[in-house]
Amino acid sequence: AEITFEANPDSVSDRLLRRLRSEGFNRVSLGIQCDDDEILKKIGRPHTYQQAVHAVGRIRKAGFRNLSIDLMYGLPGQDLEQWQNTLENVLSLAPEHISCYGLKVEEGTPLAQYQEYCNLPDDDMQADMYLSAIGILRKHGYRQYEISNFCRKGHVSRHNLKYWNGGEYLGFGPDAASDFAGRRFTILRDLRAYIAGISSGGQVLREVQEVPLRERAGEYLMLRLRTVSGLDPKEYEKRFNLPFAPLEKALVRFKEQSLAQKTYDGRWHLTPEGFLLSNTVIVRLQEIQEKCVPITKRK
């Protein structure tokens, strides 16, 4: 099994790593974000880049051979050259997996209060940073398999692929979420109530929802188009009893705009430029899907 724990560079210790390795953990996701200490301060990160480098050394020393590093672009005062330098520096650490996320300023965060004054890159610059990352990582042997995720051969995140491929998953512990046997459910948020429920065989579920097939079909479009493997027309029609032809007609138009591409085996996926406009593409396809009539069952 792939067993991952997430860590920040300032919270990694040799003792912790040895303990987790001995308990069966075999993958580490490390939140480095950036190699510029001034930018790290601006976004409220408590670590320096040197701490991140030392953390990677400790992770390798403890025996972990599957390391994922999280990076962010579009940060305050960051330009294209700085982002490219960040990628080159992090690549020298030889991680097996890299996730690159564009900064999104959330309401209520400290950054939201002064975002107008912190020189954030505009949308065009963020797009250039994203496309640049794809090129640099490809050149270094990293395969893009999802909008924001890249890996060396054999190191895709099996956990995340469960979500993007619409697979079943089970979550354990307070407030954990699951999608299993056609239902979504979450567990009680309260730790004591959770322990009591497990100990006595009582109620531990907070919400249970049966998901209609139409909703699943919409999620299929949304999630699969995040991946490079994309949509499989035959699978789509078999799973949801809906025609793929109306979607393909729209995808052909997106192909003419260099936003989508059809593979030799008939699958459809977005191009790097399409990933930049994925929300627009997905919403349009879901609008078309809503108007589709189920395929008439053969006698």
Protein backbone atom coordinates (compact mmCIF):
# COMPACT_ATOMS: atom_id res chain seq x y z
CA ALA A 1 0.00 0.00 0.00
CA GLU A 2 1.01 3.62 -0.54
CA ILE A 3 1.05 5.23 2.93
CA THR A 4 1.80 8.95 2.91
CA PHE A 5 2.28 11.54 5.61
CA GLU A 6 2.40 15.27 5.00
CA ALA A 7 5.05 17.41 6.65
CA ASN A 8 6.43 20.93 6.77
CA PRO A 9 10.23 21.38 6.63
CA ASP A 10 10.36 22.86 10.14
CA SER A 11 8.50 19.91 11.71
CA VAL A 12 10.65 17.06 10.40
CA SER A 13 12.98 15.32 12.86
CA ASP A 14 15.12 12.20 12.60
CA ARG A 15 13.24 10.57 15.46
CA LEU A 16 9.83 11.22 13.88
CA LEU A 17 10.97 9.93 10.49
CA ARG A 18 12.45 6.73 11.95
CA ARG A 19 9.26 6.07 13.91
CA LEU A 20 6.99 6.62 10.92
CA ARG A 21 9.19 4.50 8.66
CA SER A 22 9.13 1.66 11.19
CA GLU A 23 5.32 1.87 11.35
CA GLY A 24 4.98 1.33 7.61
CA PHE A 25 4.84 4.82 6.10
CA ASN A 26 6.59 4.79 2.71
CA ARG A 27 5.86 8.19 1.12
CA VAL A 28 6.43 11.77 2.29
CA SER A 29 4.69 14.89 0.96
CA LEU A 30 6.80 17.93 1.90
CA GLY A 31 5.41 21.48 1.67
CA ILE A 32 8.38 23.54 0.49
CA GLN A 33 6.37 26.03 -1.67
CA CYS A 34 9.31 28.27 -2.64
CA ASP A 35 13.10 28.65 -2.42
CA ASP A 36 13.04 32.39 -1.60
CA ASP A 37 13.03 33.11 2.13
CA GLU A 38 11.57 36.60 1.71
CA ILE A 39 8.62 35.27 -0.26
CA LEU A 40 8.13 32.47 2.27
CA LYS A 41 7.81 35.14 4.98
CA LYS A 42 5.25 37.07 2.94
CA ILE A 43 2.97 34.03 2.68
CA GLY A 44 3.36 33.18 6.35
CA ARG A 45 5.47 30.05 6.03
CA PRO A 46 7.47 29.31 9.22
CA HIS A 47 10.46 27.66 7.50
CA THR A 48 13.42 28.72 5.36
CA TYR A 49 14.56 27.03 2.17
CA GLN A 50 17.68 25.75 3.92
CA GLN A 51 15.44 23.99 6.42
CA ALA A 52 13.67 22.38 3.48
CA VAL A 53 16.96 21.14 2.03
CA HIS A 54 17.95 19.68 5.41
CA ALA A 55 14.50 18.06 5.74
CA VAL A 56 14.96 16.29 2.40
CA GLY A 57 18.34 14.99 3.61
CA ARG A 58 16.73 13.63 6.78
CA ILE A 59 13.91 12.02 4.78
CA ARG A 60 16.40 10.20 2.56
CA LYS A 61 18.57 9.20 5.52
CA ALA A 62 15.52 7.62 7.18
CA GLY A 63 15.06 5.38 4.13
CA PHE A 64 12.18 7.01 2.26
CA ARG A 65 12.41 6.46 -1.50
CA ASN A 66 9.17 8.18 -2.49
CA LEU A 67 9.23 11.93 -1.87
CA SER A 68 6.70 14.45 -3.14
CA ILE A 69 7.36 18.19 -2.96
CA ASP A 70 4.63 20.86 -3.06
CA LEU A 71 5.44 24.15 -4.79
CA MET A 72 3.44 27.32 -5.42
CA TYR A 73 3.67 29.90 -8.19
CA GLY A 74 2.08 33.33 -8.52
CA LEU A 75 3.48 34.36 -5.13
CA PRO A 76 4.00 37.97 -3.96
CA GLY A 77 6.84 39.61 -5.87
CA GLN A 78 7.61 36.43 -7.83
CA ASP A 79 8.44 36.72 -11.52
CA LEU A 80 8.90 34.09 -14.22
CA GLU A 81 12.67 33.86 -13.81
CA GLN A 82 12.39 33.36 -10.04
CA TRP A 83 9.82 30.59 -10.55
CA GLN A 84 12.04 28.85 -13.08
CA ASN A 85 14.99 29.09 -10.67
CA THR A 86 12.81 27.60 -7.92
CA LEU A 87 12.03 24.62 -10.12
CA GLU A 88 15.69 24.09 -11.03
CA ASN A 89 16.77 24.28 -7.38
CA VAL A 90 14.08 21.88 -6.21
CA LEU A 91 14.86 19.46 -9.05
CA SER A 92 18.40 19.21 -7.69
CA LEU A 93 16.82 17.55 -4.62
CA ALA A 94 15.64 14.74 -6.95
CA PRO A 95 12.08 14.21 -5.64
CA GLU A 96 10.04 11.44 -7.23
CA HIS A 97 6.92 13.62 -7.40
CA ILE A 98 6.22 17.36 -7.67
CA SER A 99 2.94 19.24 -7.25
CA CYS A 100 2.74 22.81 -8.60
CA TYR A 101 -0.18 24.95 -7.45
CA GLY A 102 -1.06 28.50 -8.43
CA LEU A 103 -1.64 30.85 -5.50
CA LYS A 104 -5.30 31.48 -4.75
CA VAL A 105 -5.95 34.22 -2.21
CA GLU A 106 -8.77 33.07 0.08
CA GLU A 107 -11.12 35.47 1.84
CA GLY A 108 -10.36 35.90 5.53
CA THR A 109 -6.66 35.08 5.23
CA PRO A 110 -3.95 37.61 6.21
CA LEU A 111 -2.79 37.81 2.59
CA ALA A 112 -6.28 38.83 1.46
CA GLN A 113 -6.06 41.97 3.60
CA TYR A 114 -3.12 43.43 1.70
CA GLN A 115 -3.11 41.59 -1.65
CA GLU A 116 -3.42 44.87 -3.57
CA TYR A 117 -0.05 45.99 -2.19
CA CYS A 118 2.06 42.83 -2.42
CA ASN A 119 2.78 42.74 -6.16
CA LEU A 120 0.98 39.53 -7.07
CA PRO A 121 1.61 38.22 -10.62
CA ASP A 122 -1.42 38.71 -12.88
CA ASP A 123 -3.33 35.91 -14.62
CA ASP A 124 -1.19 36.08 -17.77
CA MET A 125 1.99 35.77 -15.74
CA GLN A 126 0.56 32.84 -13.78
CA ALA A 127 -0.29 31.15 -17.09
CA ASP A 128 3.28 31.66 -18.32
CA MET A 129 4.59 30.20 -15.06
CA TYR A 130 2.35 27.16 -15.39
CA LEU A 131 3.31 26.41 -18.99
CA SER A 132 6.96 26.98 -18.15
CA ALA A 133 6.74 24.43 -15.33
CA ILE A 134 5.32 21.81 -17.69
CA GLY A 135 8.23 22.31 -20.10
CA ILE A 136 10.96 22.30 -17.45
CA LEU A 137 9.62 19.26 -15.64
CA ARG A 138 9.16 17.33 -18.90
CA LYS A 139 12.77 18.09 -19.81
CA HIS A 140 13.87 16.59 -16.48
CA GLY A 141 11.89 13.38 -16.94
CA TYR A 142 8.72 14.21 -14.99
CA ARG A 143 5.45 13.12 -16.58
CA GLN A 144 2.39 15.30 -16.07
CA TYR A 145 -0.57 13.10 -15.15
CA GLU A 146 -2.93 15.72 -13.66
CA ILE A 147 -3.34 19.48 -13.90
CA SER A 148 -0.96 20.20 -11.02
CA ASN A 149 0.93 16.92 -10.59
CA PHE A 150 4.10 15.52 -12.14
CA CYS A 151 6.14 12.43 -11.38
CA ARG A 152 8.91 10.13 -12.43
CA LYS A 153 7.86 6.79 -13.88
CA GLY A 154 6.00 4.63 -11.38
CA HIS A 155 5.42 7.37 -8.79
CA VAL A 156 1.93 8.71 -9.44
CA SER A 157 0.00 9.49 -6.25
CA ARG A 158 -2.25 6.46 -5.95
CA HIS A 159 -4.27 8.20 -3.24
CA ASN A 160 -5.10 11.23 -5.37
CA LEU A 161 -5.82 9.11 -8.44
CA LYS A 162 -8.60 7.45 -6.43
CA TYR A 163 -10.42 10.79 -6.34
CA TRP A 164 -9.69 11.86 -9.92
CA ASN A 165 -10.74 8.48 -11.31
CA GLY A 166 -13.93 8.40 -9.22
CA GLY A 167 -12.84 5.37 -7.20
CA GLU A 168 -14.12 4.27 -3.80
CA TYR A 169 -12.30 5.32 -0.65
CA LEU A 170 -12.75 5.02 3.10
CA GLY A 171 -11.75 7.61 5.70
CA PHE A 172 -11.19 6.83 9.38
CA GLY A 173 -11.24 9.14 12.38
CA PRO A 174 -13.25 12.23 13.39
CA ASP A 175 -14.67 14.22 10.45
CA ALA A 176 -13.21 11.81 7.88
CA ALA A 177 -15.05 11.51 4.56
CA SER A 178 -15.74 8.38 2.51
CA ASP A 179 -17.27 7.42 -0.81
CA PHE A 180 -18.20 3.75 -0.77
CA ALA A 181 -20.94 1.45 -2.12
CA GLY A 182 -22.63 4.32 -3.95
CA ARG A 183 -22.84 6.54 -0.86
CA ARG A 184 -20.88 9.42 0.59
CA PHE A 185 -20.64 9.70 4.35
CA THR A 186 -18.73 11.63 6.97
CA ILE A 187 -17.88 10.74 10.54
CA LEU A 188 -18.70 12.70 13.70
CA ARG A 189 -16.34 15.60 14.30
CA ASP A 190 -16.12 15.04 18.05
CA LEU A 191 -13.20 12.81 19.11
CA ARG A 192 -14.82 11.54 22.32
CA ALA A 193 -18.10 10.77 20.57
CA TYR A 194 -16.19 8.93 17.85
CA ILE A 195 -14.28 6.81 20.38
CA ALA A 196 -17.45 6.07 22.32
CA GLY A 197 -19.31 5.08 19.16
CA ILE A 198 -16.54 2.75 18.02
CA SER A 199 -16.18 1.20 21.51
CA SER A 200 -19.89 0.53 21.94
CA GLY A 201 -20.85 -0.23 18.34
CA GLY A 202 -22.96 2.91 18.28
CA GLN A 203 -23.52 5.67 15.74
CA VAL A 204 -20.41 7.40 14.37
CA LEU A 205 -21.71 8.71 11.03
CA ARG A 206 -22.71 12.36 10.74
CA GLU A 207 -24.00 12.57 7.17
CA VAL A 208 -24.93 9.91 4.63
CA GLN A 209 -25.79 10.77 1.02
CA GLU A 210 -26.74 8.53 -1.88
CA VAL A 211 -25.33 10.11 -5.04
CA PRO A 212 -27.59 10.06 -8.14
CA LEU A 213 -26.10 8.68 -11.34
CA ARG A 214 -26.51 12.03 -13.12
CA GLU A 215 -24.43 13.71 -10.44
CA ARG A 216 -21.78 11.02 -10.80
CA ALA A 217 -21.72 11.67 -14.54
CA GLY A 218 -21.05 15.37 -13.95
CA GLU A 219 -18.29 14.54 -11.52
CA TYR A 220 -16.78 12.15 -14.05
CA LEU A 221 -16.35 15.03 -16.49
CA MET A 222 -14.99 17.38 -13.84
CA LEU A 223 -12.50 14.94 -12.32
CA ARG A 224 -11.35 13.02 -15.37
CA LEU A 225 -10.61 16.21 -17.29
CA ARG A 226 -8.15 17.12 -14.54
CA THR A 227 -6.08 14.14 -15.67
CA VAL A 228 -3.96 13.57 -18.75
CA SER A 229 -5.71 10.23 -19.36
CA GLY A 230 -9.00 12.15 -19.76
CA LEU A 231 -12.36 10.78 -20.92
CA ASP A 232 -13.07 7.31 -22.29
CA PRO A 233 -16.23 7.47 -24.47
CA LYS A 234 -17.03 3.76 -24.13
CA GLU A 235 -16.59 3.80 -20.36
CA TYR A 236 -18.70 6.94 -20.11
CA GLU A 237 -21.65 5.47 -22.03
CA LYS A 238 -21.47 2.16 -20.19
CA ARG A 239 -21.32 3.70 -16.70
CA PHE A 240 -23.88 6.46 -17.10
CA ASN A 241 -26.13 5.33 -19.97
CA LEU A 242 -25.61 8.71 -21.64
CA PRO A 243 -24.46 9.41 -25.22
CA PHE A 244 -20.93 10.71 -25.66
CA ALA A 245 -21.52 12.11 -29.17
CA PRO A 246 -22.84 15.54 -28.00
CA LEU A 247 -19.79 15.95 -25.77
CA GLU A 248 -17.46 14.89 -28.57
CA LYS A 249 -18.97 17.49 -30.86
CA ALA A 250 -18.03 20.19 -28.33
CA LEU A 251 -14.61 18.63 -27.75
CA VAL A 252 -13.89 18.85 -31.48
CA ARG A 253 -14.48 22.60 -31.27
CA PHE A 254 -12.19 22.83 -28.25
CA LYS A 255 -9.60 20.88 -30.25
CA GLU A 256 -9.77 23.53 -32.98
CA GLN A 257 -8.87 26.05 -30.26
CA SER A 258 -5.93 23.85 -29.14
CA LEU A 259 -7.65 23.24 -25.78
CA ALA A 260 -8.40 19.52 -26.21
CA GLN A 261 -6.83 16.54 -27.90
CA LYS A 262 -7.98 13.08 -29.00
CA THR A 263 -5.62 10.13 -28.56
CA TYR A 264 -5.12 7.18 -30.91
CA ASP A 265 -7.42 5.00 -28.75
CA GLY A 266 -10.31 7.49 -28.84
CA ARG A 267 -9.86 9.14 -25.43
CA TRP A 268 -10.20 12.90 -25.01
CA HIS A 269 -8.04 15.02 -22.71
CA LEU A 270 -7.16 18.67 -22.27
CA THR A 271 -3.92 20.19 -23.53
CA PRO A 272 -1.71 22.31 -21.22
CA GLU A 273 -3.49 25.38 -22.63
CA GLY A 274 -6.79 23.62 -21.99
CA PHE A 275 -5.86 22.99 -18.37
CA LEU A 276 -5.52 26.76 -17.94
CA LEU A 277 -9.16 27.13 -19.04
CA SER A 278 -10.40 23.85 -17.57
CA ASN A 279 -13.24 25.42 -15.59
CA THR A 280 -14.70 26.99 -18.74
CA VAL A 281 -14.40 23.74 -20.71
CA ILE A 282 -15.87 21.57 -17.95
CA VAL A 283 -18.83 23.87 -17.30
CA ARG A 284 -19.67 23.89 -21.01
CA LEU A 285 -19.53 20.10 -21.22
CA GLN A 286 -21.68 19.73 -18.11
CA GLU A 287 -24.27 22.09 -19.64
CA ILE A 288 -24.41 19.85 -22.70
CA GLN A 289 -24.57 16.75 -20.52
CA GLU A 290 -27.60 18.07 -18.64
CA LYS A 291 -29.57 18.17 -21.90
CA CYS A 292 -28.65 14.63 -22.93
CA VAL A 293 -31.33 11.95 -22.95
CA PRO A 294 -30.29 8.51 -21.65
CA ILE A 295 -29.45 5.92 -24.27
CA THR A 296 -32.46 3.71 -24.99
CA LYS A 297 -31.82 0.24 -23.62
CA ARG A 298 -31.76 -2.48 -26.22
CA LYS A 299 -34.27 -5.28 -25.87
